[in-house]
Every structure is written in C-alpha cells, then in structure tokens.
Amino acid sequence: MQRSPGNRRWQVKQADCFTALPRLDADSVDAIVTDPPYGIGVNGMAWDRPARLDPSTRAGKRRRRPSENPNQAFQEFSREWSSACLHSLKPGGHLAAFAAPRTAHRLACGLEEAGFELRDVLMWLQGQGYPATRVLPGGLATGLKPAWEPIILARKPLDGTLDHNLKTHGTGAMNIDATRIALGAHDCTSEGRAHGRRITASERGRWPANLLLSHSATCTAARCEPDCPIGLLGDRHRFFYAAKANRRQREAGCEELPRRVTQTFKIGAHNEELCEANPVANIHPTVKPIELMRWLVRLLTPHGGLVLDPFTGSGSTGAAAVLEGARFLGIEREAIYLPIARARIKYWSSSRRGCASANARARQKAKA
C-alpha cells in the first residue's frame, strides 16, 4: 500500500488516477477538490474527449465503438474515478468537482453510482466565456455564450451518526464560520429577508451561499468591464465573490519554465496574433482562480487536513491548499503539466503568500 504524504506539506505524483488512487491509505484524505475532464473536448484537448475516457482500454486504441453513446462513456468514467476516490476519503469527507453545464448531470449520476451522497450544486458565474459555436447566415447560431460552471458537491456516507463521525474522523460537516461573508459598513442585516426584523444576519457575517461570482479577466482595480457580473451587481457582489485567474496568477512561479505559443485568448485573428506575440509557460487551458479554490478548500477541509486532487492539472487546488494551511496530494497523468503544477505550488508554498485566512483559522483553533 502506497502511503499518503503524511506530514509533508504537498506532493504531486505523475500517475493515472485509476492506478494511483487504490494504492493510497484507506480513510486518509479529508477532502477532494478537483477539476476533472468535462467530456466535451475542451480546446480540442485529447484528454477531454469522451471517446478517450475509458480507463479499461490501452493507450493508442480507439476508446469506444462508434455506436456507443459518448455521454454514457463520460458517466461511466465519472463513476470509475469517483469510486476509486472513496477508498482513501474519510467517512463524511466532501468532494467538490467542477463540471460543464451540459455534462454535469452525467457527473452527478456517476458520483451517485459510485456511492457518494449528492449534497448541493454550486454555481460559479464568471460571465466571460466565448461562444464557440457555428455562426450561420440570417443571424442564426448553434450555441449560447458560456457564462457559468457548476460545481457538484458530494459527501462520502457517514460512519454512524454525524456527531460520531465528527468525533472519530473530523469530517462530515462544512466550515461555515470560516467561509462567512463579512458584513459591510452599510449592511442592512435583514435585507432580502421575508421574516420579521427580530431575525437579523449574524455579526459573524453572512452564511456562505452556493453561488459565486468572478470578475472579467480584463477588469482592473479602478473599473470593471461592462459585462462583468460583479460590476453589474454592484455592492452585492461581496456575498458571492471569487476572482477569476488572470495572466499574472496563471504564470506565478513558472518564470523558469519554457514558454510556448498556445491559444489562451478568445478565438479570432487578432487574438491569434496576441498568442504569437505572448508565449506562456502555463499552457493549461482551464486554470481555475486560486481564490475560488481557497474558498472551497476552506469550506470543506478540517484545519491541517489532507486535500486530494486526482486531476491536478496546473496545480490551482494545491496552491489553494498550502495557502489555507492544509496538506495536499496531487495526481496528474499528463507529463506536460507536472512541472507547471509543481512550480506554481512551490511558489505559493514558499512563503504562503496572502495567507491571512489560514493564520486566522490557526488563531481561532488556538483560542478554542
């Protein structure tokens, strides 16, 4: 049995998760936060095609027959990897997995078939996707602009009662107080409530919601883009805020890595020219914002617990985990992403930059 990283702060292994997950210690992981393949062929990436998501077929072979349903293949893939995760996840441990709107139901079904309990579906509104659709004459097209991503929240069944599970394993509940939204100076504590004024918002902050927003990539501290969700909502954005990963955050720690020309901008002739003129080190196409991942880690992980990501990619979950004072174990199959993930996690881990929330949690635990 291959042991989990123990007291090491973080580790990223090159392996296929179907091979690595069964080798981990049983009941050793506190939470799983991951951005698995969506099964939609994002940016033409081979690893995200439904036809290549069958773990039982050898590399280099066609992964499914033409008559097979690719959506069913994605659901089976989701069931297989999440079933493998159950072995190492503690009873009551939570799993948060990003999904695409049109395949999220398949991911949810796969999680249930594996043995997880579905707890919620979070909505991340980023408002800045590009309509990668076929434009037809007469003002017609085949798709809409993608502006949100679901995050499926699931939990491994409890070991007995919730109280027993919390006492024995430290898992089963979420860290609500650690993820509350601080009240603003001009907050009306009963705003938007249907009950009487005798019930008001807690002085500890507003209860965290299952809706999260993010700025447009080109927003600045001085102004937001016209279609920015946060700008459109005004002051209410503080209830659900999550900043989108910008170029600086994507590249932080990767300064010594080779730079490549890759399509990370919106499509079009002008943006293709921008790609040619601005090679990047972090070539992963779906980098998630660290602040959003920190919120998920903080919500689901006991203080100092172990976070697992079986699809590490460029390492955003690992960066979030070390910033929140948690330990991290990442698994990544694609060799091209390993140096990127390790460099980014090392960068954020070296001095735990911006680690105010983790320090606050440590002080809160010491007082208790």
Protein backbone atom coordinates (compact mmCIF):
# COMPACT_ATOMS: atom_id res chain seq x y z
CA MET A 1 0.00 0.00 0.00
CA GLN A 2 1.41 3.37 -1.03
CA ARG A 3 1.14 5.82 1.81
CA SER A 4 -0.40 9.28 1.62
CA PRO A 5 2.06 12.19 2.05
CA GLY A 6 1.84 12.13 5.86
CA ASN A 7 3.36 15.29 7.36
CA ARG A 8 4.73 16.56 4.04
CA ARG A 9 3.02 19.80 3.08
CA TRP A 10 2.42 18.88 -0.52
CA GLN A 11 3.25 16.34 -3.20
CA VAL A 12 2.35 15.95 -6.88
CA LYS A 13 2.71 12.47 -8.39
CA GLN A 14 2.77 11.57 -12.06
CA ALA A 15 0.31 8.73 -12.42
CA ASP A 16 -3.03 7.77 -13.84
CA CYS A 17 -5.54 8.26 -11.04
CA PHE A 18 -7.07 4.85 -11.76
CA THR A 19 -3.72 3.29 -10.86
CA ALA A 20 -2.69 5.61 -8.03
CA LEU A 21 -5.91 6.00 -6.05
CA PRO A 22 -6.30 2.34 -4.95
CA ARG A 23 -2.74 2.45 -3.55
CA LEU A 24 -3.45 5.27 -1.10
CA ASP A 25 -4.09 4.60 2.57
CA ALA A 26 -7.73 3.95 3.37
CA ASP A 27 -9.63 6.79 5.08
CA SER A 28 -6.62 9.13 4.92
CA VAL A 29 -7.98 12.04 2.85
CA ASP A 30 -10.10 14.79 4.42
CA ALA A 31 -11.47 16.42 1.25
CA ILE A 32 -11.29 16.17 -2.53
CA VAL A 33 -11.36 19.34 -4.62
CA THR A 34 -10.88 18.69 -8.32
CA ASP A 35 -11.48 19.92 -11.85
CA PRO A 36 -11.86 16.66 -13.80
CA PRO A 37 -12.25 16.31 -17.58
CA TYR A 38 -15.65 17.57 -18.69
CA GLY A 39 -16.10 15.16 -21.58
CA ILE A 40 -16.64 17.97 -24.10
CA GLY A 41 -13.27 18.11 -25.87
CA VAL A 42 -12.35 21.49 -24.38
CA ASN A 43 -9.99 23.43 -26.67
CA GLY A 44 -9.58 20.26 -28.73
CA MET A 45 -7.65 18.55 -25.91
CA ALA A 46 -7.45 14.78 -26.43
CA TRP A 47 -7.69 14.07 -22.70
CA ASP A 48 -11.14 15.71 -22.57
CA ARG A 49 -12.76 13.78 -25.40
CA PRO A 50 -15.48 11.33 -24.29
CA ALA A 51 -14.03 8.76 -26.69
CA ARG A 52 -10.80 8.63 -24.67
CA LEU A 53 -12.21 8.42 -21.15
CA ASP A 54 -12.50 4.65 -20.84
CA PRO A 55 -9.76 3.54 -18.39
CA SER A 56 -10.08 -0.12 -19.38
CA THR A 57 -8.68 0.38 -22.89
CA ARG A 58 -4.96 0.57 -23.66
CA ALA A 59 -3.46 3.82 -24.90
CA GLY A 60 -3.28 4.10 -28.67
CA LYS A 61 -6.50 2.16 -29.21
CA ARG A 62 -9.90 3.59 -30.01
CA ARG A 63 -11.66 4.01 -26.67
CA ARG A 64 -15.22 3.30 -27.80
CA ARG A 65 -17.17 1.90 -30.72
CA PRO A 66 -18.89 4.43 -33.00
CA SER A 67 -22.28 3.12 -31.87
CA GLU A 68 -21.60 3.84 -28.19
CA ASN A 69 -23.03 6.94 -26.51
CA PRO A 70 -20.19 9.35 -25.59
CA ASN A 71 -22.25 10.81 -22.75
CA GLN A 72 -22.72 7.37 -21.25
CA ALA A 73 -18.98 6.81 -21.55
CA PHE A 74 -18.38 10.04 -19.63
CA GLN A 75 -20.80 8.97 -16.90
CA GLU A 76 -19.02 5.61 -16.55
CA PHE A 77 -15.69 7.41 -16.45
CA SER A 78 -17.01 9.66 -13.67
CA ARG A 79 -18.27 6.65 -11.73
CA GLU A 80 -14.94 4.86 -12.04
CA TRP A 81 -12.69 7.70 -10.84
CA SER A 82 -15.03 8.78 -8.03
CA SER A 83 -15.43 5.17 -6.91
CA ALA A 84 -11.64 4.93 -6.67
CA CYS A 85 -11.65 8.10 -4.55
CA LEU A 86 -13.98 6.57 -1.94
CA HIS A 87 -11.24 4.22 -0.74
CA SER A 88 -8.94 6.97 0.55
CA LEU A 89 -11.58 9.56 1.54
CA LYS A 90 -12.58 9.57 5.20
CA PRO A 91 -16.23 8.81 6.05
CA GLY A 92 -18.13 12.07 5.82
CA GLY A 93 -15.41 13.62 3.65
CA HIS A 94 -16.63 16.02 0.98
CA LEU A 95 -15.85 16.09 -2.73
CA ALA A 96 -16.20 19.21 -4.89
CA ALA A 97 -15.90 18.63 -8.65
CA PHE A 98 -16.22 21.20 -11.42
CA ALA A 99 -18.30 20.31 -14.45
CA ALA A 100 -19.64 21.65 -17.73
CA PRO A 101 -23.34 22.59 -17.76
CA ARG A 102 -24.22 20.07 -20.47
CA THR A 103 -22.44 17.12 -18.84
CA ALA A 104 -22.87 17.97 -15.13
CA HIS A 105 -25.84 15.61 -14.84
CA ARG A 106 -23.66 12.75 -16.06
CA LEU A 107 -21.01 13.58 -13.48
CA ALA A 108 -23.67 13.74 -10.75
CA CYS A 109 -25.08 10.35 -11.78
CA GLY A 110 -21.58 8.87 -11.84
CA LEU A 111 -20.90 10.14 -8.31
CA GLU A 112 -24.16 8.65 -7.03
CA GLU A 113 -23.49 5.33 -8.73
CA ALA A 114 -20.05 5.26 -7.09
CA GLY A 115 -21.62 5.61 -3.63
CA PHE A 116 -21.42 9.35 -2.92
CA GLU A 117 -24.30 11.37 -1.49
CA LEU A 118 -25.10 14.47 -3.53
CA ARG A 119 -25.26 17.47 -1.19
CA ASP A 120 -25.55 20.53 -3.43
CA VAL A 121 -24.68 22.10 -6.78
CA LEU A 122 -22.72 25.34 -6.55
CA MET A 123 -22.88 27.87 -9.38
CA TRP A 124 -19.73 29.75 -10.37
CA LEU A 125 -20.71 32.74 -12.51
CA GLN A 126 -17.75 34.05 -14.48
CA GLY A 127 -19.69 35.75 -17.26
CA GLN A 128 -16.82 35.89 -19.75
CA GLY A 129 -16.87 32.71 -21.76
CA TYR A 130 -16.69 32.88 -25.54
CA PRO A 131 -19.47 31.43 -27.73
CA ALA A 132 -17.51 28.71 -29.52
CA THR A 133 -20.38 27.99 -31.85
CA ARG A 134 -21.06 27.82 -35.54
CA VAL A 135 -22.41 31.12 -36.85
CA LEU A 136 -24.96 30.69 -39.63
CA PRO A 137 -26.49 33.11 -42.14
CA GLY A 138 -29.54 35.08 -41.05
CA GLY A 139 -28.39 35.74 -37.50
CA LEU A 140 -28.50 32.05 -36.53
CA ALA A 141 -26.04 30.03 -34.45
CA THR A 142 -25.90 26.69 -32.68
CA GLY A 143 -24.97 27.67 -29.12
CA LEU A 144 -25.01 30.29 -26.38
CA LYS A 145 -22.18 32.12 -24.63
CA PRO A 146 -20.95 30.02 -21.65
CA ALA A 147 -21.10 32.17 -18.52
CA TRP A 148 -21.20 29.76 -15.58
CA GLU A 149 -19.83 26.43 -14.38
CA PRO A 150 -21.47 24.04 -11.92
CA ILE A 151 -19.53 22.57 -9.00
CA ILE A 152 -21.00 19.28 -7.79
CA LEU A 153 -20.76 18.91 -4.01
CA ALA A 154 -20.93 15.35 -2.69
CA ARG A 155 -20.08 13.51 0.51
CA LYS A 156 -18.93 10.02 1.41
CA PRO A 157 -21.53 8.32 3.64
CA LEU A 158 -21.11 8.87 7.36
CA ASP A 159 -19.76 6.33 9.80
CA GLY A 160 -22.80 6.18 12.08
CA THR A 161 -24.24 9.48 13.27
CA LEU A 162 -22.88 12.88 12.32
CA ASP A 163 -21.70 13.52 15.88
CA HIS A 164 -19.85 10.19 15.96
CA ASN A 165 -18.33 10.85 12.53
CA LEU A 166 -17.10 14.30 13.53
CA LYS A 167 -15.59 12.97 16.75
CA THR A 168 -13.93 9.97 15.10
CA HIS A 169 -12.85 11.34 11.71
CA GLY A 170 -13.19 15.11 11.95
CA THR A 171 -15.29 15.18 8.76
CA GLY A 172 -18.94 15.30 7.79
CA ALA A 173 -19.72 19.00 8.22
CA MET A 174 -18.59 22.16 6.44
CA ASN A 175 -16.64 25.08 7.91
CA ILE A 176 -19.40 27.67 7.73
CA ASP A 177 -17.87 30.29 10.03
CA ALA A 178 -14.57 30.12 8.15
CA THR A 179 -16.31 30.99 4.88
CA ARG A 180 -18.86 33.58 6.00
CA ILE A 181 -19.06 36.87 4.12
CA ALA A 182 -18.12 39.80 6.33
CA LEU A 183 -20.83 42.41 6.85
CA GLY A 184 -20.20 45.73 5.14
CA ALA A 185 -20.33 49.10 6.86
CA HIS A 186 -23.71 49.87 5.29
CA ASP A 187 -25.24 46.41 5.54
CA CYS A 188 -28.92 46.12 6.29
CA THR A 189 -28.91 42.90 8.29
CA SER A 190 -32.46 41.99 7.29
CA GLU A 191 -32.12 42.91 3.60
CA GLY A 192 -33.82 40.47 1.27
CA ARG A 193 -35.49 38.54 4.10
CA ALA A 194 -39.19 37.68 4.26
CA HIS A 195 -39.33 37.24 8.05
CA GLY A 196 -39.67 39.93 10.69
CA ARG A 197 -36.90 42.26 11.84
CA ARG A 198 -36.47 40.20 15.01
CA ILE A 199 -34.24 37.85 12.98
CA THR A 200 -31.12 39.51 11.58
CA ALA A 201 -27.81 38.50 9.99
CA SER A 202 -25.16 37.16 12.33
CA GLU A 203 -22.46 39.56 13.45
CA ARG A 204 -20.00 36.87 12.34
CA GLY A 205 -21.02 37.50 8.73
CA ARG A 206 -23.49 36.20 6.20
CA TRP A 207 -23.94 32.48 5.67
CA PRO A 208 -21.94 31.30 2.63
CA ALA A 209 -24.07 30.73 -0.46
CA ASN A 210 -23.96 28.19 -3.26
CA LEU A 211 -23.47 30.99 -5.79
CA LEU A 212 -20.04 32.50 -6.60
CA LEU A 213 -19.13 35.33 -8.95
CA SER A 214 -15.89 36.40 -10.58
CA HIS A 215 -14.52 39.48 -12.34
CA SER A 216 -13.85 39.56 -16.05
CA ALA A 217 -10.21 38.81 -16.87
CA THR A 218 -9.62 42.38 -18.03
CA CYS A 219 -11.19 44.15 -15.03
CA THR A 220 -8.89 46.41 -13.04
CA ALA A 221 -8.97 47.85 -9.51
CA ALA A 222 -10.31 51.09 -10.99
CA ARG A 223 -13.01 49.78 -13.31
CA CYS A 224 -14.91 46.68 -14.41
CA GLU A 225 -15.77 45.61 -17.90
CA PRO A 226 -19.38 46.42 -18.94
CA ASP A 227 -20.42 42.73 -18.80
CA CYS A 228 -18.61 41.89 -15.54
CA PRO A 229 -21.03 40.06 -13.18
CA ILE A 230 -19.57 41.79 -10.12
CA GLY A 231 -19.81 45.21 -11.72
CA LEU A 232 -23.42 44.59 -12.74
CA LEU A 233 -24.41 43.53 -9.23
CA GLY A 234 -22.64 46.43 -7.55
CA ASP A 235 -22.12 46.24 -3.79
CA ARG A 236 -23.98 42.93 -3.50
CA HIS A 237 -21.06 41.13 -5.17
CA ARG A 238 -19.40 40.73 -1.77
CA PHE A 239 -21.89 37.98 -0.94
CA PHE A 240 -20.53 35.66 -3.61
CA TYR A 241 -17.12 36.98 -4.70
CA ALA A 242 -14.45 34.84 -6.39
CA ALA A 243 -11.80 36.46 -8.57
CA LYS A 244 -11.01 34.93 -11.97
CA ALA A 245 -7.47 33.79 -12.67
CA ASN A 246 -5.57 36.45 -14.60
CA ARG A 247 -2.34 36.04 -16.53
CA ARG A 248 -0.15 37.03 -13.58
CA GLN A 249 -1.73 34.38 -11.34
CA ARG A 250 -1.52 31.72 -14.04
CA GLU A 251 2.18 32.35 -14.60
CA ALA A 252 3.34 32.95 -11.00
CA GLY A 253 6.15 30.51 -10.20
CA CYS A 254 6.63 29.42 -13.81
CA GLU A 255 9.25 32.01 -14.73
CA GLU A 256 11.98 29.41 -15.25
CA LEU A 257 9.85 27.08 -17.39
CA PRO A 258 9.97 27.12 -21.20
CA ARG A 259 7.43 29.37 -22.88
CA ARG A 260 5.16 28.21 -25.68
CA VAL A 261 2.65 29.74 -28.02
CA THR A 262 -0.78 28.45 -27.10
CA GLN A 263 -4.36 29.64 -27.53
CA THR A 264 -5.34 31.06 -24.14
CA PHE A 265 -7.12 34.10 -25.58
CA LYS A 266 -10.51 34.21 -27.27
CA ILE A 267 -10.51 32.99 -30.83
CA GLY A 268 -10.15 35.35 -33.78
CA ALA A 269 -7.36 36.70 -35.99
CA HIS A 270 -6.39 39.49 -33.60
CA ASN A 271 -6.23 37.17 -30.61
CA GLU A 272 -4.21 34.63 -32.57
CA GLU A 273 -1.69 37.42 -33.16
CA LEU A 274 -1.65 38.12 -29.42
CA CYS A 275 -0.88 34.46 -28.76
CA GLU A 276 2.04 34.53 -31.18
CA ALA A 277 3.42 37.67 -29.54
CA ASN A 278 2.90 36.46 -25.95
CA PRO A 279 4.14 32.89 -25.38
CA VAL A 280 3.28 31.49 -21.95
CA ALA A 281 4.70 28.94 -19.53
CA ASN A 282 1.37 27.78 -18.10
CA ILE A 283 -0.29 26.20 -21.11
CA HIS A 284 -3.15 24.52 -19.25
CA PRO A 285 -6.43 25.59 -20.88
CA THR A 286 -8.73 25.57 -17.83
CA VAL A 287 -6.84 27.19 -14.94
CA LYS A 288 -9.18 27.88 -12.03
CA PRO A 289 -8.80 31.00 -9.87
CA ILE A 290 -6.85 30.35 -6.67
CA GLU A 291 -9.21 32.45 -4.57
CA LEU A 292 -12.15 30.29 -5.61
CA MET A 293 -10.20 27.10 -4.87
CA ARG A 294 -9.13 28.51 -1.49
CA TRP A 295 -12.77 29.11 -0.61
CA LEU A 296 -13.65 25.51 -1.47
CA VAL A 297 -10.66 24.13 0.47
CA ARG A 298 -11.52 26.31 3.46
CA LEU A 299 -15.18 25.26 3.33
CA LEU A 300 -14.57 21.51 3.14
CA THR A 301 -11.26 20.75 4.88
CA PRO A 302 -10.59 20.42 8.63
CA HIS A 303 -7.68 22.61 9.73
CA GLY A 304 -4.39 20.99 8.69
CA GLY A 305 -6.24 18.23 6.82
CA LEU A 306 -5.25 16.48 3.61
CA VAL A 307 -6.71 17.64 0.29
CA LEU A 308 -6.61 15.32 -2.71
CA ASP A 309 -6.88 16.31 -6.37
CA PRO A 310 -6.80 13.31 -8.74
CA PHE A 311 -6.72 15.65 -11.79
CA THR A 312 -4.15 18.20 -10.65
CA GLY A 313 -3.63 19.96 -13.99
CA SER A 314 -1.74 23.22 -13.38
CA GLY A 315 -1.96 22.91 -9.59
CA SER A 316 -4.53 25.54 -8.54
CA THR A 317 -6.03 23.23 -5.90
CA GLY A 318 -2.56 22.55 -4.48
CA ALA A 319 -1.75 26.26 -4.32
CA ALA A 320 -5.04 26.89 -2.55
CA ALA A 321 -4.44 24.06 -0.08
CA VAL A 322 -0.99 25.26 1.02
CA LEU A 323 -2.28 28.82 1.31
CA GLU A 324 -5.03 27.57 3.62
CA GLY A 325 -2.63 25.64 5.84
CA ALA A 326 -3.77 22.25 4.54
CA ARG A 327 -1.66 19.40 3.16
CA PHE A 328 -2.01 18.44 -0.48
CA LEU A 329 -1.66 15.33 -2.61
CA GLY A 330 -1.98 15.78 -6.35
CA ILE A 331 -2.15 13.16 -9.08
CA GLU A 332 -1.59 14.14 -12.72
CA ARG A 333 -1.28 11.83 -15.72
CA GLU A 334 -0.13 14.34 -18.35
CA ALA A 335 3.65 14.86 -18.08
CA ILE A 336 3.46 18.27 -19.74
CA TYR A 337 1.54 19.73 -16.78
CA LEU A 338 3.67 18.32 -13.95
CA PRO A 339 6.42 21.00 -13.92
CA ILE A 340 3.75 23.70 -14.14
CA ALA A 341 1.82 22.36 -11.16
CA ARG A 342 4.93 21.83 -9.06
CA ALA A 343 6.34 25.27 -9.87
CA ARG A 344 3.08 27.04 -9.03
CA ILE A 345 2.53 25.18 -5.75
CA LYS A 346 6.15 25.74 -4.74
CA TYR A 347 5.76 29.45 -5.44
CA TRP A 348 2.67 29.82 -3.27
CA SER A 349 4.03 27.46 -0.62
CA SER A 350 7.45 29.11 -0.26
CA SER A 351 6.22 31.95 1.90
CA ARG A 352 2.48 31.21 2.00
CA ARG A 353 1.79 34.48 0.25
CA GLY A 354 -1.56 36.02 1.10
CA CYS A 355 -2.23 33.51 3.83
CA ALA A 356 -4.31 35.68 6.15
CA SER A 357 -7.26 33.28 6.26
CA ALA A 358 -5.09 30.30 7.22
CA ASN A 359 -3.44 32.29 10.00
CA ALA A 360 -6.82 33.42 11.25
CA ARG A 361 -8.03 29.81 11.39
CA ALA A 362 -4.93 28.81 13.35
CA ARG A 363 -5.56 31.58 15.87
CA GLN A 364 -9.23 30.59 16.14
CA LYS A 365 -8.25 26.96 16.81
CA ALA A 366 -5.70 28.04 19.45
CA LYS A 367 -8.39 30.04 21.29
CA ALA A 368 -10.67 27.00 21.27
